[in-house]
Amino acid sequence: MSEKVILCTGANQGLGFAILKVAGLRHPTNTYILCSRDLNAGQQAVQKLKDLGVTAKIDLVELDVTNDQQIAAVVNHVTNTYGRLDVLINNAGIIRLPSKDDLSAARNTYNEILNVNITSVALITTAFTPLLYKSSAPKVINISSGLGSIQNSLTKKMGRSPPYGASKIGMNGLTVHMQVAENDRVEADADGTSGKPRIRYYACAPGALKTAFTNYWPNGRSPEDGAEVAVHLLADDTNKYDGGSYWEFVDNEMKIVPW
């Protein structure tokens, strides 16, 4: 795999940490930008990765995905330090239960979920797009959920969380529409005069994991198992996985998830 600059939001623990651990051990020539809202927690995560044997470069940055000033600061840092971004992993996300009795509180909860899980993904992706265009094969990997599949939600027994599930369906829709807009741009630039490569956008479902996000659900997959889908996508140098697709890694293979 060619050397890449890879940025992952919400990476000081849980799935984001596991993605950097698995990818860092498997592909040590890459540079991994670990984003954390709390720099102390981020520093501990960097040290833990080193203790686990990760020799790849880990660059720690402070990033609350809802803070536009911090987003701009990280974009400036990546611009000045690397001049490009090869892979953006939008991993940061939240789950909340809205009040059943207080409409104003419930509205605030829905707004918070959608702000983190959809709006911030859109804004961060937009902010990093100029840097992604500096890559020869840019990718955006949006960490979705099995609950983001409308078909599976209707036909399979799954966890039920309407606010969270709806936010992931919305994230999947954002992924699709960003891809088709990019495809239209490439088609309009048929002679390649813009010099901009085609960004590939992905949604992926890591599965229910045994992490703080799920209160360490005992039946959950290990975060390292959940990380595999993102690691396979970020490592694809042969365009095996086309943009505008939705993936999971189960039974030791990549599989398409129905929308």
C-alpha atoms as a PDB file:
ATOM      1  CA  MET A   1       0.000   0.000   0.000  1.00  0.00           C
ATOM      2  CA  SER A   2       1.333   3.410  -0.930  1.00  0.00           C
ATOM      3  CA  GLU A   3       2.007   5.855   1.898  1.00  0.00           C
ATOM      4  CA  LYS A   4      -1.115   7.752   2.916  1.00  0.00           C
ATOM      5  CA  VAL A   5      -2.087  10.570   5.218  1.00  0.00           C
ATOM      6  CA  ILE A   6      -5.189   9.386   7.079  1.00  0.00           C
ATOM      7  CA  LEU A   7      -7.308  11.421   9.477  1.00  0.00           C
ATOM      8  CA  CYS A   8      -9.822   9.840  11.845  1.00  0.00           C
ATOM      9  CA  THR A   9     -12.248  11.790  14.037  1.00  0.00           C
ATOM     10  CA  GLY A  10     -13.188  10.579  17.505  1.00  0.00           C
ATOM     11  CA  ALA A  11     -10.115   8.364  17.621  1.00  0.00           C
ATOM     12  CA  ASN A  12      -8.906   8.432  21.213  1.00  0.00           C
ATOM     13  CA  GLN A  13     -11.051   5.426  22.181  1.00  0.00           C
ATOM     14  CA  GLY A  14     -13.475   2.814  20.908  1.00  0.00           C
ATOM     15  CA  LEU A  15     -13.802   2.154  17.201  1.00  0.00           C
ATOM     16  CA  GLY A  16     -11.690   5.120  16.089  1.00  0.00           C
ATOM     17  CA  PHE A  17      -8.803   3.982  18.281  1.00  0.00           C
ATOM     18  CA  ALA A  18      -9.186   0.419  16.967  1.00  0.00           C
ATOM     19  CA  ILE A  19      -9.074   1.630  13.349  1.00  0.00           C
ATOM     20  CA  LEU A  20      -5.770   3.383  13.991  1.00  0.00           C
ATOM     21  CA  LYS A  21      -4.454   0.365  15.907  1.00  0.00           C
ATOM     22  CA  VAL A  22      -5.310  -2.192  13.213  1.00  0.00           C
ATOM     23  CA  ALA A  23      -4.290   0.051  10.322  1.00  0.00           C
ATOM     24  CA  GLY A  24      -1.159   1.267  12.079  1.00  0.00           C
ATOM     25  CA  LEU A  25       0.066  -2.265  12.773  1.00  0.00           C
ATOM     26  CA  ARG A  26      -0.807  -3.501   9.282  1.00  0.00           C
ATOM     27  CA  HIS A  27       0.267  -0.435   7.292  1.00  0.00           C
ATOM     28  CA  PRO A  28       3.034   1.269   9.279  1.00  0.00           C
ATOM     29  CA  THR A  29       4.260   3.531   6.479  1.00  0.00           C
ATOM     30  CA  ASN A  30       1.117   5.673   6.667  1.00  0.00           C
ATOM     31  CA  THR A  31       0.705   8.767   8.795  1.00  0.00           C
ATOM     32  CA  TYR A  32      -2.358   8.691  11.036  1.00  0.00           C
ATOM     33  CA  ILE A  33      -3.912  11.873  12.392  1.00  0.00           C
ATOM     34  CA  LEU A  34      -5.679  11.063  15.647  1.00  0.00           C
ATOM     35  CA  CYS A  35      -8.447  13.551  16.442  1.00  0.00           C
ATOM     36  CA  SER A  36      -9.625  13.894  20.023  1.00  0.00           C
ATOM     37  CA  ARG A  37     -11.830  16.434  21.770  1.00  0.00           C
ATOM     38  CA  ASP A  38      -9.621  16.061  24.866  1.00  0.00           C
ATOM     39  CA  LEU A  39      -5.895  16.423  24.258  1.00  0.00           C
ATOM     40  CA  ASN A  40      -5.013  14.595  27.483  1.00  0.00           C
ATOM     41  CA  ALA A  41      -7.130  11.617  26.409  1.00  0.00           C
ATOM     42  CA  GLY A  42      -5.555  11.871  22.965  1.00  0.00           C
ATOM     43  CA  GLN A  43      -2.033  11.821  24.392  1.00  0.00           C
ATOM     44  CA  GLN A  44      -2.898   8.729  26.402  1.00  0.00           C
ATOM     45  CA  ALA A  45      -4.272   7.098  23.249  1.00  0.00           C
ATOM     46  CA  VAL A  46      -1.091   7.863  21.300  1.00  0.00           C
ATOM     47  CA  GLN A  47       1.022   6.331  24.060  1.00  0.00           C
ATOM     48  CA  LYS A  48      -1.218   3.270  24.196  1.00  0.00           C
ATOM     49  CA  LEU A  49      -0.862   2.777  20.436  1.00  0.00           C
ATOM     50  CA  LYS A  50       2.915   2.902  20.812  1.00  0.00           C
ATOM     51  CA  ASP A  51       2.762   0.436  23.708  1.00  0.00           C
ATOM     52  CA  LEU A  52       0.724  -1.901  21.488  1.00  0.00           C
ATOM     53  CA  GLY A  53       3.496  -1.900  18.915  1.00  0.00           C
ATOM     54  CA  VAL A  54       2.305   0.736  16.454  1.00  0.00           C
ATOM     55  CA  THR A  55       5.396   2.288  14.862  1.00  0.00           C
ATOM     56  CA  ALA A  56       3.531   4.398  12.301  1.00  0.00           C
ATOM     57  CA  LYS A  57       3.583   8.156  12.775  1.00  0.00           C
ATOM     58  CA  ILE A  58       0.631   9.290  14.917  1.00  0.00           C
ATOM     59  CA  ASP A  59      -0.162  12.997  14.781  1.00  0.00           C
ATOM     60  CA  LEU A  60      -2.467  14.188  17.577  1.00  0.00           C
ATOM     61  CA  VAL A  61      -4.839  17.102  16.990  1.00  0.00           C
ATOM     62  CA  GLU A  62      -7.618  18.599  19.082  1.00  0.00           C
ATOM     63  CA  LEU A  63     -10.967  18.373  17.337  1.00  0.00           C
ATOM     64  CA  ASP A  64     -14.533  18.663  18.526  1.00  0.00           C
ATOM     65  CA  VAL A  65     -16.430  17.989  15.310  1.00  0.00           C
ATOM     66  CA  THR A  66     -19.088  20.560  16.236  1.00  0.00           C
ATOM     67  CA  ASN A  67     -16.514  23.339  16.689  1.00  0.00           C
ATOM     68  CA  ASP A  68     -15.993  25.180  13.388  1.00  0.00           C
ATOM     69  CA  GLN A  69     -12.911  27.039  14.648  1.00  0.00           C
ATOM     70  CA  GLN A  70     -11.242  23.754  15.567  1.00  0.00           C
ATOM     71  CA  ILE A  71     -12.167  22.252  12.198  1.00  0.00           C
ATOM     72  CA  ALA A  72     -10.521  25.200  10.447  1.00  0.00           C
ATOM     73  CA  ALA A  73      -7.445  24.914  12.671  1.00  0.00           C
ATOM     74  CA  VAL A  74      -7.021  21.212  11.852  1.00  0.00           C
ATOM     75  CA  VAL A  75      -7.444  21.901   8.127  1.00  0.00           C
ATOM     76  CA  ASN A  76      -4.699  24.535   8.396  1.00  0.00           C
ATOM     77  CA  HIS A  77      -2.473  22.109  10.295  1.00  0.00           C
ATOM     78  CA  VAL A  78      -2.880  19.371   7.685  1.00  0.00           C
ATOM     79  CA  THR A  79      -2.349  21.879   4.875  1.00  0.00           C
ATOM     80  CA  ASN A  80       0.850  23.257   6.363  1.00  0.00           C
ATOM     81  CA  THR A  81       2.229  19.906   7.546  1.00  0.00           C
ATOM     82  CA  TYR A  82       1.309  17.483   4.757  1.00  0.00           C
ATOM     83  CA  GLY A  83      -0.184  19.474   1.882  1.00  0.00           C
ATOM     84  CA  ARG A  84      -2.801  16.790   1.222  1.00  0.00           C
ATOM     85  CA  LEU A  85      -5.195  14.313   2.816  1.00  0.00           C
ATOM     86  CA  ASP A  86      -5.599  10.840   1.331  1.00  0.00           C
ATOM     87  CA  VAL A  87      -8.280   9.381   3.578  1.00  0.00           C
ATOM     88  CA  LEU A  88     -10.834  11.104   5.803  1.00  0.00           C
ATOM     89  CA  ILE A  89     -12.597   8.818   8.287  1.00  0.00           C
ATOM     90  CA  ASN A  90     -15.682  10.416   9.811  1.00  0.00           C
ATOM     91  CA  ASN A  91     -15.964   8.236  12.901  1.00  0.00           C
ATOM     92  CA  ALA A  92     -17.108  10.600  15.660  1.00  0.00           C
ATOM     93  CA  GLY A  93     -20.738  10.013  16.572  1.00  0.00           C
ATOM     94  CA  ILE A  94     -23.166  10.035  19.480  1.00  0.00           C
ATOM     95  CA  ILE A  95     -26.285   8.230  20.634  1.00  0.00           C
ATOM     96  CA  ARG A  96     -28.843   9.842  22.930  1.00  0.00           C
ATOM     97  CA  LEU A  97     -32.330   9.071  24.228  1.00  0.00           C
ATOM     98  CA  PRO A  98     -34.707  12.035  23.897  1.00  0.00           C
ATOM     99  CA  SER A  99     -37.119  12.908  26.669  1.00  0.00           C
ATOM    100  CA  LYS A 100     -40.646  11.540  26.289  1.00  0.00           C
ATOM    101  CA  ASP A 101     -42.129  14.260  28.476  1.00  0.00           C
ATOM    102  CA  ASP A 102     -40.279  17.473  27.626  1.00  0.00           C
ATOM    103  CA  LEU A 103     -40.659  18.466  23.980  1.00  0.00           C
ATOM    104  CA  SER A 104     -38.031  21.194  24.140  1.00  0.00           C
ATOM    105  CA  ALA A 105     -35.507  18.832  25.703  1.00  0.00           C
ATOM    106  CA  ALA A 106     -36.352  16.161  23.121  1.00  0.00           C
ATOM    107  CA  ARG A 107     -35.871  18.672  20.288  1.00  0.00           C
ATOM    108  CA  ASN A 108     -32.472  19.632  21.695  1.00  0.00           C
ATOM    109  CA  THR A 109     -31.494  15.967  21.839  1.00  0.00           C
ATOM    110  CA  TYR A 110     -32.506  15.352  18.228  1.00  0.00           C
ATOM    111  CA  ASN A 111     -30.663  18.487  17.134  1.00  0.00           C
ATOM    112  CA  GLU A 112     -27.535  17.368  18.987  1.00  0.00           C
ATOM    113  CA  ILE A 113     -27.602  13.900  17.405  1.00  0.00           C
ATOM    114  CA  LEU A 114     -28.147  15.240  13.899  1.00  0.00           C
ATOM    115  CA  ASN A 115     -25.534  17.953  14.377  1.00  0.00           C
ATOM    116  CA  VAL A 116     -22.835  15.432  15.263  1.00  0.00           C
ATOM    117  CA  ASN A 117     -23.857  12.510  13.067  1.00  0.00           C
ATOM    118  CA  ILE A 118     -24.836  14.333   9.873  1.00  0.00           C
ATOM    119  CA  THR A 119     -24.139  18.071   9.845  1.00  0.00           C
ATOM    120  CA  SER A 120     -20.617  17.776  11.227  1.00  0.00           C
ATOM    121  CA  VAL A 121     -19.799  14.972   8.783  1.00  0.00           C
ATOM    122  CA  ALA A 122     -20.927  17.216   5.924  1.00  0.00           C
ATOM    123  CA  LEU A 123     -18.991  20.250   7.150  1.00  0.00           C
ATOM    124  CA  ILE A 124     -15.782  18.378   7.934  1.00  0.00           C
ATOM    125  CA  THR A 125     -15.878  16.637   4.560  1.00  0.00           C
ATOM    126  CA  THR A 126     -16.444  19.951   2.806  1.00  0.00           C
ATOM    127  CA  ALA A 127     -13.633  21.601   4.758  1.00  0.00           C
ATOM    128  CA  PHE A 128     -11.147  18.865   3.822  1.00  0.00           C
ATOM    129  CA  THR A 129     -12.221  18.507   0.184  1.00  0.00           C
ATOM    130  CA  PRO A 130      -9.480  20.843  -1.172  1.00  0.00           C
ATOM    131  CA  LEU A 131      -6.878  18.705   0.611  1.00  0.00           C
ATOM    132  CA  LEU A 132      -8.476  15.498  -0.636  1.00  0.00           C
ATOM    133  CA  TYR A 133      -8.142  16.835  -4.186  1.00  0.00           C
ATOM    134  CA  LYS A 134      -4.375  17.020  -3.579  1.00  0.00           C
ATOM    135  CA  SER A 135      -4.333  13.220  -3.198  1.00  0.00           C
ATOM    136  CA  SER A 136      -4.000  10.873  -6.164  1.00  0.00           C
ATOM    137  CA  ALA A 137      -6.745   8.560  -4.831  1.00  0.00           C
ATOM    138  CA  PRO A 138      -8.799  10.321  -2.155  1.00  0.00           C
ATOM    139  CA  LYS A 139     -11.392   8.569  -0.014  1.00  0.00           C
ATOM    140  CA  VAL A 140     -13.993   9.550   2.562  1.00  0.00           C
ATOM    141  CA  ILE A 141     -15.103   6.748   4.882  1.00  0.00           C
ATOM    142  CA  ASN A 142     -18.227   7.510   6.890  1.00  0.00           C
ATOM    143  CA  ILE A 143     -18.770   5.231   9.862  1.00  0.00           C
ATOM    144  CA  SER A 144     -22.430   4.343   9.720  1.00  0.00           C
ATOM    145  CA  SER A 145     -24.287   1.482  11.407  1.00  0.00           C
ATOM    146  CA  GLY A 146     -26.385  -1.542  10.570  1.00  0.00           C
ATOM    147  CA  LEU A 147     -29.292   0.640  11.680  1.00  0.00           C
ATOM    148  CA  GLY A 148     -28.489   2.872   8.717  1.00  0.00           C
ATOM    149  CA  SER A 149     -29.894   0.203   6.398  1.00  0.00           C
ATOM    150  CA  ILE A 150     -33.596   0.811   5.785  1.00  0.00           C
ATOM    151  CA  GLN A 151     -34.020  -2.655   4.299  1.00  0.00           C
ATOM    152  CA  ASN A 152     -32.351  -4.462   7.189  1.00  0.00           C
ATOM    153  CA  SER A 153     -34.151  -2.349   9.776  1.00  0.00           C
ATOM    154  CA  LEU A 154     -37.484  -3.373   8.261  1.00  0.00           C
ATOM    155  CA  THR A 155     -36.677  -7.062   7.828  1.00  0.00           C
ATOM    156  CA  LYS A 156     -34.289  -8.048  10.629  1.00  0.00           C
ATOM    157  CA  LYS A 157     -34.360  -8.034  14.398  1.00  0.00           C
ATOM    158  CA  MET A 158     -31.999  -5.248  15.317  1.00  0.00           C
ATOM    159  CA  GLY A 159     -31.474  -2.755  18.089  1.00  0.00           C
ATOM    160  CA  ARG A 160     -34.061   0.000  18.035  1.00  0.00           C
ATOM    161  CA  SER A 161     -33.072   3.619  18.475  1.00  0.00           C
ATOM    162  CA  PRO A 162     -35.113   5.852  16.135  1.00  0.00           C
ATOM    163  CA  PRO A 163     -33.057   9.040  16.665  1.00  0.00           C
ATOM    164  CA  TYR A 164     -29.714   7.306  16.175  1.00  0.00           C
ATOM    165  CA  GLY A 165     -30.935   5.040  13.384  1.00  0.00           C
ATOM    166  CA  ALA A 166     -32.457   7.975  11.522  1.00  0.00           C
ATOM    167  CA  SER A 167     -29.202   9.910  11.849  1.00  0.00           C
ATOM    168  CA  LYS A 168     -27.274   7.036  10.287  1.00  0.00           C
ATOM    169  CA  ILE A 169     -29.799   6.700   7.463  1.00  0.00           C
ATOM    170  CA  GLY A 170     -29.268  10.426   6.941  1.00  0.00           C
ATOM    171  CA  MET A 171     -25.490   9.962   6.949  1.00  0.00           C
ATOM    172  CA  ASN A 172     -25.862   7.238   4.326  1.00  0.00           C
ATOM    173  CA  GLY A 173     -27.949   9.590   2.206  1.00  0.00           C
ATOM    174  CA  LEU A 174     -25.299  12.278   2.580  1.00  0.00           C
ATOM    175  CA  THR A 175     -22.654   9.779   1.451  1.00  0.00           C
ATOM    176  CA  VAL A 176     -24.657   8.847  -1.642  1.00  0.00           C
ATOM    177  CA  HIS A 177     -25.386  12.431  -2.633  1.00  0.00           C
ATOM    178  CA  MET A 178     -21.801  13.550  -2.121  1.00  0.00           C
ATOM    179  CA  GLN A 179     -20.722  10.693  -4.384  1.00  0.00           C
ATOM    180  CA  VAL A 180     -23.185  11.439  -7.177  1.00  0.00           C
ATOM    181  CA  ALA A 181     -22.290  15.137  -7.024  1.00  0.00           C
ATOM    182  CA  GLU A 182     -18.632  14.156  -7.348  1.00  0.00           C
ATOM    183  CA  ASN A 183     -19.433  11.791 -10.227  1.00  0.00           C
ATOM    184  CA  ASP A 184     -21.278  14.614 -11.991  1.00  0.00           C
ATOM    185  CA  ARG A 185     -18.271  16.896 -11.500  1.00  0.00           C
ATOM    186  CA  VAL A 186     -15.925  14.314 -12.999  1.00  0.00           C
ATOM    187  CA  GLU A 187     -18.283  13.724 -15.939  1.00  0.00           C
ATOM    188  CA  ALA A 188     -18.485  17.457 -16.618  1.00  0.00           C
ATOM    189  CA  ASP A 189     -14.690  17.594 -16.510  1.00  0.00           C
ATOM    190  CA  ALA A 190     -14.325  14.808 -19.066  1.00  0.00           C
ATOM    191  CA  ASP A 191     -11.102  16.233 -20.470  1.00  0.00           C
ATOM    192  CA  GLY A 192      -9.566  16.350 -16.978  1.00  0.00           C
ATOM    193  CA  THR A 193      -8.661  20.035 -17.163  1.00  0.00           C
ATOM    194  CA  SER A 194      -9.421  20.579 -13.475  1.00  0.00           C
ATOM    195  CA  GLY A 195      -6.707  18.130 -12.468  1.00  0.00           C
ATOM    196  CA  LYS A 196      -8.859  16.953  -9.588  1.00  0.00           C
ATOM    197  CA  PRO A 197      -9.123  13.211  -8.907  1.00  0.00           C
ATOM    198  CA  ARG A 198     -12.457  11.529  -8.184  1.00  0.00           C
ATOM    199  CA  ILE A 199     -13.148  11.240  -4.480  1.00  0.00           C
ATOM    200  CA  ARG A 200     -14.620   7.896  -3.442  1.00  0.00           C
ATOM    201  CA  TYR A 201     -17.181   8.095  -0.638  1.00  0.00           C
ATOM    202  CA  TYR A 202     -18.114   5.082   1.483  1.00  0.00           C
ATOM    203  CA  ALA A 203     -20.509   4.214   4.261  1.00  0.00           C
ATOM    204  CA  CYS A 204     -19.633   1.254   6.447  1.00  0.00           C
ATOM    205  CA  ALA A 205     -21.248  -0.722   9.244  1.00  0.00           C
ATOM    206  CA  PRO A 206     -18.775  -1.979  11.863  1.00  0.00           C
ATOM    207  CA  GLY A 207     -21.446  -3.896  13.781  1.00  0.00           C
ATOM    208  CA  ALA A 208     -22.469  -3.609  17.415  1.00  0.00           C
ATOM    209  CA  LEU A 209     -19.220  -3.416  19.355  1.00  0.00           C
ATOM    210  CA  LYS A 210     -18.075  -3.977  22.902  1.00  0.00           C
ATOM    211  CA  THR A 211     -17.039  -0.385  23.571  1.00  0.00           C
ATOM    212  CA  ALA A 212     -17.993   2.518  25.826  1.00  0.00           C
ATOM    213  CA  PHE A 213     -20.416   3.610  23.062  1.00  0.00           C
ATOM    214  CA  THR A 214     -22.550   0.491  23.786  1.00  0.00           C
ATOM    215  CA  ASN A 215     -21.762   0.369  27.506  1.00  0.00           C
ATOM    216  CA  TYR A 216     -19.496  -2.587  26.688  1.00  0.00           C
ATOM    217  CA  TRP A 217     -22.369  -4.762  25.504  1.00  0.00           C
ATOM    218  CA  PRO A 218     -21.183  -8.325  26.296  1.00  0.00           C
ATOM    219  CA  ASN A 219     -22.423  -9.723  22.979  1.00  0.00           C
ATOM    220  CA  GLY A 220     -20.695  -7.038  20.952  1.00  0.00           C
ATOM    221  CA  ARG A 221     -17.837  -7.606  18.524  1.00  0.00           C
ATOM    222  CA  SER A 222     -14.374  -6.510  19.512  1.00  0.00           C
ATOM    223  CA  PRO A 223     -13.576  -3.002  18.266  1.00  0.00           C
ATOM    224  CA  GLU A 224     -10.701  -4.513  16.266  1.00  0.00           C
ATOM    225  CA  ASP A 225     -13.182  -6.729  14.387  1.00  0.00           C
ATOM    226  CA  GLY A 226     -15.379  -3.701  13.785  1.00  0.00           C
ATOM    227  CA  ALA A 227     -12.388  -1.750  12.482  1.00  0.00           C
ATOM    228  CA  GLU A 228     -11.698  -4.232   9.678  1.00  0.00           C
ATOM    229  CA  VAL A 229     -14.260  -2.773   7.272  1.00  0.00           C
ATOM    230  CA  ALA A 230     -12.699   0.695   7.434  1.00  0.00           C
ATOM    231  CA  VAL A 231      -9.157  -0.670   7.271  1.00  0.00           C
ATOM    232  CA  HIS A 232      -9.962  -2.674   4.120  1.00  0.00           C
ATOM    233  CA  LEU A 233     -11.449   0.422   2.499  1.00  0.00           C
ATOM    234  CA  LEU A 234      -8.566   2.738   3.377  1.00  0.00           C
ATOM    235  CA  ALA A 235      -6.022   0.190   2.129  1.00  0.00           C
ATOM    236  CA  ASP A 236      -7.667  -0.342  -1.278  1.00  0.00           C
ATOM    237  CA  ASP A 237      -5.235   0.873  -3.918  1.00  0.00           C
ATOM    238  CA  THR A 238      -6.839  -0.986  -6.829  1.00  0.00           C
ATOM    239  CA  ASN A 239     -10.312   0.586  -6.836  1.00  0.00           C
ATOM    240  CA  LYS A 240     -11.786  -2.755  -5.810  1.00  0.00           C
ATOM    241  CA  TYR A 241     -14.470  -0.978  -3.802  1.00  0.00           C
ATOM    242  CA  ASP A 242     -16.309   1.584  -5.883  1.00  0.00           C
ATOM    243  CA  GLY A 243     -17.377   4.852  -4.348  1.00  0.00           C
ATOM    244  CA  GLY A 244     -20.986   5.333  -3.303  1.00  0.00           C
ATOM    245  CA  SER A 245     -21.195   1.931  -1.639  1.00  0.00           C
ATOM    246  CA  TYR A 246     -22.064   0.598   1.828  1.00  0.00           C
ATOM    247  CA  TRP A 247     -19.909  -2.124   3.380  1.00  0.00           C
ATOM    248  CA  GLU A 248     -19.467  -4.475   6.303  1.00  0.00           C
ATOM    249  CA  PHE A 249     -16.775  -7.036   7.142  1.00  0.00           C
ATOM    250  CA  VAL A 250     -18.271 -10.328   8.320  1.00  0.00           C
ATOM    251  CA  ASP A 251     -17.198 -13.958   8.042  1.00  0.00           C
ATOM    252  CA  ASN A 252     -13.729 -12.692   7.167  1.00  0.00           C
ATOM    253  CA  GLU A 253     -14.847 -10.932   3.981  1.00  0.00           C
ATOM    254  CA  MET A 254     -16.160  -7.618   2.724  1.00  0.00           C
ATOM    255  CA  LYS A 255     -19.880  -7.615   1.943  1.00  0.00           C
ATOM    256  CA  ILE A 256     -22.263  -5.022   0.552  1.00  0.00           C
ATOM    257  CA  VAL A 257     -24.920  -3.803   2.963  1.00  0.00           C
ATOM    258  CA  PRO A 258     -28.325  -3.019   1.395  1.00  0.00           C
ATOM    259  CA  TRP A 259     -29.407   0.583   1.608  1.00  0.00           C
END
